[in-house]
Amino acid sequence: MPSPIVENMIARTAIPVVDADTVTDFIKQSPRAVLFFCADPKKYPESNDVAMALPEIIKEYDGLAGALVAQSCEIALQKEFNFTAWPALAFFKEGQYLGAITGIQNWDDYLEKINQMFAKDLSATIATVNL
């Protein structure tokens, strides 16, 4: 169950919650997307910090759509995207997985890592994730 901070972020921003049935459509719907793997904020308190940063990250990048991954499918999707720490933000461009940023980061580190991911040339990339 999301914490009150995560629930407040969802209410303030209207960020949708996606599950195994809706995640693929969500990713394909926008030229750029980010999925928030929150996990249990009691076990991973940094999830609350990432929940505070996520709306600012979305504002920073035109056309970036964000969603919270439902806890019921987080583990299955985590295995597909192969990140190893929680919480995580998984980034997509034109439906292709670019990578994940785990834990809370300094703002400048977020920007640097996200810019590197979005700068990737997808024509030279073989899709490694099949959604």
C-alpha atoms as a PDB file:
ATOM      1  CA  MET A   1       0.000   0.000   0.000  1.00  0.00           C
ATOM      2  CA  PRO A   2       1.414   3.403  -0.925  1.00  0.00           C
ATOM      3  CA  SER A   3       2.303   5.792   1.854  1.00  0.00           C
ATOM      4  CA  PRO A   4       0.306   8.982   2.448  1.00  0.00           C
ATOM      5  CA  ILE A   5       3.104  10.902   0.687  1.00  0.00           C
ATOM      6  CA  VAL A   6       2.825   8.714  -2.428  1.00  0.00           C
ATOM      7  CA  GLU A   7      -0.979   8.900  -2.329  1.00  0.00           C
ATOM      8  CA  ASN A   8      -0.769  12.689  -2.053  1.00  0.00           C
ATOM      9  CA  MET A   9       1.587  12.821  -5.057  1.00  0.00           C
ATOM     10  CA  ILE A  10      -0.902  10.781  -7.093  1.00  0.00           C
ATOM     11  CA  ALA A  11      -3.790  13.032  -6.050  1.00  0.00           C
ATOM     12  CA  ARG A  12      -1.907  16.293  -6.713  1.00  0.00           C
ATOM     13  CA  THR A  13      -0.528  15.314 -10.097  1.00  0.00           C
ATOM     14  CA  ALA A  14      -3.124  12.867 -11.457  1.00  0.00           C
ATOM     15  CA  ILE A  15      -0.297  10.436 -12.220  1.00  0.00           C
ATOM     16  CA  PRO A  16      -1.998   7.181 -13.183  1.00  0.00           C
ATOM     17  CA  VAL A  17      -1.357   3.795 -11.617  1.00  0.00           C
ATOM     18  CA  VAL A  18      -0.522   1.157 -14.232  1.00  0.00           C
ATOM     19  CA  ASP A  19      -0.621  -2.597 -13.895  1.00  0.00           C
ATOM     20  CA  ALA A  20       0.333  -5.584 -16.030  1.00  0.00           C
ATOM     21  CA  ASP A  21      -2.686  -4.988 -18.288  1.00  0.00           C
ATOM     22  CA  THR A  22      -2.137  -1.261 -18.886  1.00  0.00           C
ATOM     23  CA  VAL A  23       1.621  -0.675 -18.700  1.00  0.00           C
ATOM     24  CA  THR A  24       2.381  -1.408 -22.362  1.00  0.00           C
ATOM     25  CA  ASP A  25      -0.295   0.985 -23.622  1.00  0.00           C
ATOM     26  CA  PHE A  26       0.928   3.659 -21.220  1.00  0.00           C
ATOM     27  CA  ILE A  27       4.527   3.362 -22.433  1.00  0.00           C
ATOM     28  CA  LYS A  28       3.517   3.476 -26.105  1.00  0.00           C
ATOM     29  CA  GLN A  29       1.114   6.393 -25.581  1.00  0.00           C
ATOM     30  CA  SER A  30       3.840   8.980 -25.013  1.00  0.00           C
ATOM     31  CA  PRO A  31       7.129   9.629 -26.818  1.00  0.00           C
ATOM     32  CA  ARG A  32       8.830   9.575 -23.412  1.00  0.00           C
ATOM     33  CA  ALA A  33       7.649   7.839 -20.262  1.00  0.00           C
ATOM     34  CA  VAL A  34       8.807   7.079 -16.739  1.00  0.00           C
ATOM     35  CA  LEU A  35       7.505   4.344 -14.462  1.00  0.00           C
ATOM     36  CA  PHE A  36       7.841   4.733 -10.695  1.00  0.00           C
ATOM     37  CA  PHE A  37       8.507   1.446  -8.900  1.00  0.00           C
ATOM     38  CA  CYS A  38       7.705   2.526  -5.363  1.00  0.00           C
ATOM     39  CA  ALA A  39       7.631  -0.823  -3.531  1.00  0.00           C
ATOM     40  CA  ASP A  40       6.718  -0.660   0.144  1.00  0.00           C
ATOM     41  CA  PRO A  41       7.641   2.772   1.533  1.00  0.00           C
ATOM     42  CA  LYS A  42       7.910   1.253   5.013  1.00  0.00           C
ATOM     43  CA  LYS A  43      10.647  -1.058   3.749  1.00  0.00           C
ATOM     44  CA  TYR A  44      12.123   1.490   1.311  1.00  0.00           C
ATOM     45  CA  PRO A  45      11.640   4.956   2.857  1.00  0.00           C
ATOM     46  CA  GLU A  46      13.423   6.599  -0.100  1.00  0.00           C
ATOM     47  CA  SER A  47      10.220   5.898  -2.038  1.00  0.00           C
ATOM     48  CA  ASN A  48       8.697   8.933  -0.350  1.00  0.00           C
ATOM     49  CA  ASP A  49      11.617  11.095  -1.479  1.00  0.00           C
ATOM     50  CA  VAL A  50      11.348   9.831  -5.059  1.00  0.00           C
ATOM     51  CA  ALA A  51       7.596  10.532  -4.942  1.00  0.00           C
ATOM     52  CA  MET A  52       8.427  14.157  -4.157  1.00  0.00           C
ATOM     53  CA  ALA A  53      11.006  14.367  -6.977  1.00  0.00           C
ATOM     54  CA  LEU A  54       8.975  12.632  -9.686  1.00  0.00           C
ATOM     55  CA  PRO A  55       6.537  15.497 -10.445  1.00  0.00           C
ATOM     56  CA  GLU A  56       9.496  17.872 -10.784  1.00  0.00           C
ATOM     57  CA  ILE A  57      11.254  15.452 -13.146  1.00  0.00           C
ATOM     58  CA  ILE A  58       8.100  15.228 -15.267  1.00  0.00           C
ATOM     59  CA  LYS A  59       7.888  19.047 -15.419  1.00  0.00           C
ATOM     60  CA  GLU A  60      11.536  19.246 -16.499  1.00  0.00           C
ATOM     61  CA  TYR A  61      11.028  17.193 -19.688  1.00  0.00           C
ATOM     62  CA  ASP A  62       8.399  18.181 -22.249  1.00  0.00           C
ATOM     63  CA  GLY A  63       6.282  15.237 -23.265  1.00  0.00           C
ATOM     64  CA  LEU A  64       7.397  13.034 -20.372  1.00  0.00           C
ATOM     65  CA  ALA A  65       4.498  11.030 -18.986  1.00  0.00           C
ATOM     66  CA  GLY A  66       4.782   9.408 -15.576  1.00  0.00           C
ATOM     67  CA  ALA A  67       2.964   6.551 -13.884  1.00  0.00           C
ATOM     68  CA  LEU A  68       3.140   4.607 -10.652  1.00  0.00           C
ATOM     69  CA  VAL A  69       3.468   0.844 -11.088  1.00  0.00           C
ATOM     70  CA  ALA A  70       0.887  -1.082  -9.066  1.00  0.00           C
ATOM     71  CA  GLN A  71       2.547  -3.082  -6.315  1.00  0.00           C
ATOM     72  CA  SER A  72       0.801  -6.227  -7.560  1.00  0.00           C
ATOM     73  CA  CYS A  73       2.986  -6.312 -10.684  1.00  0.00           C
ATOM     74  CA  GLU A  74       6.177  -4.548  -9.559  1.00  0.00           C
ATOM     75  CA  ILE A  75       8.227  -7.731  -9.117  1.00  0.00           C
ATOM     76  CA  ALA A  76       7.283  -9.164 -12.519  1.00  0.00           C
ATOM     77  CA  LEU A  77       8.090  -5.904 -14.300  1.00  0.00           C
ATOM     78  CA  GLN A  78      11.269  -5.398 -12.276  1.00  0.00           C
ATOM     79  CA  LYS A  79      12.536  -8.704 -13.624  1.00  0.00           C
ATOM     80  CA  GLU A  80      11.881  -7.540 -17.191  1.00  0.00           C
ATOM     81  CA  PHE A  81      13.726  -4.272 -16.674  1.00  0.00           C
ATOM     82  CA  ASN A  82      16.522  -5.826 -14.635  1.00  0.00           C
ATOM     83  CA  PHE A  83      17.163  -3.161 -12.015  1.00  0.00           C
ATOM     84  CA  THR A  84      18.300  -4.377  -8.620  1.00  0.00           C
ATOM     85  CA  ALA A  85      17.436  -1.699  -6.059  1.00  0.00           C
ATOM     86  CA  TRP A  86      14.264   0.024  -4.886  1.00  0.00           C
ATOM     87  CA  PRO A  87      12.704   2.493  -5.415  1.00  0.00           C
ATOM     88  CA  ALA A  88      13.324   2.905  -9.134  1.00  0.00           C
ATOM     89  CA  LEU A  89      12.379   5.143 -12.018  1.00  0.00           C
ATOM     90  CA  ALA A  90      12.378   3.282 -15.354  1.00  0.00           C
ATOM     91  CA  PHE A  91      12.630   5.462 -18.465  1.00  0.00           C
ATOM     92  CA  PHE A  92      11.312   4.813 -21.976  1.00  0.00           C
ATOM     93  CA  LYS A  93      11.647   6.564 -25.303  1.00  0.00           C
ATOM     94  CA  GLU A  94       9.427   5.681 -28.254  1.00  0.00           C
ATOM     95  CA  GLY A  95       8.323   2.574 -26.374  1.00  0.00           C
ATOM     96  CA  GLN A  96      11.856   1.295 -25.785  1.00  0.00           C
ATOM     97  CA  TYR A  97      13.337   0.811 -22.339  1.00  0.00           C
ATOM     98  CA  LEU A  98      16.332   3.079 -21.755  1.00  0.00           C
ATOM     99  CA  GLY A  99      17.348   2.228 -18.204  1.00  0.00           C
ATOM    100  CA  ALA A 100      16.496   2.849 -14.576  1.00  0.00           C
ATOM    101  CA  ILE A 101      17.626   5.200 -11.843  1.00  0.00           C
ATOM    102  CA  THR A 102      17.381   3.642  -8.405  1.00  0.00           C
ATOM    103  CA  GLY A 103      17.140   5.303  -5.026  1.00  0.00           C
ATOM    104  CA  ILE A 104      16.972   9.026  -4.450  1.00  0.00           C
ATOM    105  CA  GLN A 105      19.496  11.188  -6.309  1.00  0.00           C
ATOM    106  CA  ASN A 106      20.709  14.751  -6.190  1.00  0.00           C
ATOM    107  CA  TRP A 107      18.828  16.908  -8.690  1.00  0.00           C
ATOM    108  CA  ASP A 108      21.896  17.415 -10.901  1.00  0.00           C
ATOM    109  CA  ASP A 109      22.515  13.659 -10.941  1.00  0.00           C
ATOM    110  CA  TYR A 110      18.929  13.027 -12.025  1.00  0.00           C
ATOM    111  CA  LEU A 111      19.260  15.515 -14.868  1.00  0.00           C
ATOM    112  CA  GLU A 112      22.599  14.122 -16.025  1.00  0.00           C
ATOM    113  CA  LYS A 113      21.425  10.507 -16.020  1.00  0.00           C
ATOM    114  CA  ILE A 114      18.063  11.257 -17.624  1.00  0.00           C
ATOM    115  CA  ASN A 115      19.651  13.425 -20.323  1.00  0.00           C
ATOM    116  CA  GLN A 116      22.084  10.604 -21.122  1.00  0.00           C
ATOM    117  CA  MET A 117      19.241   8.120 -21.441  1.00  0.00           C
ATOM    118  CA  PHE A 118      17.098  10.361 -23.651  1.00  0.00           C
ATOM    119  CA  ALA A 119      20.110  11.140 -25.864  1.00  0.00           C
ATOM    120  CA  LYS A 120      20.498   7.459 -26.810  1.00  0.00           C
ATOM    121  CA  ASP A 121      20.189   6.692 -30.511  1.00  0.00           C
ATOM    122  CA  LEU A 122      17.433   4.108 -30.634  1.00  0.00           C
ATOM    123  CA  SER A 123      18.129   3.178 -34.243  1.00  0.00           C
ATOM    124  CA  ALA A 124      21.332   1.496 -33.086  1.00  0.00           C
ATOM    125  CA  THR A 125      19.636  -0.256 -30.181  1.00  0.00           C
ATOM    126  CA  ILE A 126      18.171  -3.718 -30.190  1.00  0.00           C
ATOM    127  CA  ALA A 127      15.127  -3.877 -27.959  1.00  0.00           C
ATOM    128  CA  THR A 128      15.900  -6.036 -24.943  1.00  0.00           C
ATOM    129  CA  VAL A 129      12.494  -5.847 -23.323  1.00  0.00           C
ATOM    130  CA  ASN A 130       9.345  -7.257 -24.814  1.00  0.00           C
ATOM    131  CA  LEU A 131       6.252  -5.715 -23.257  1.00  0.00           C
END
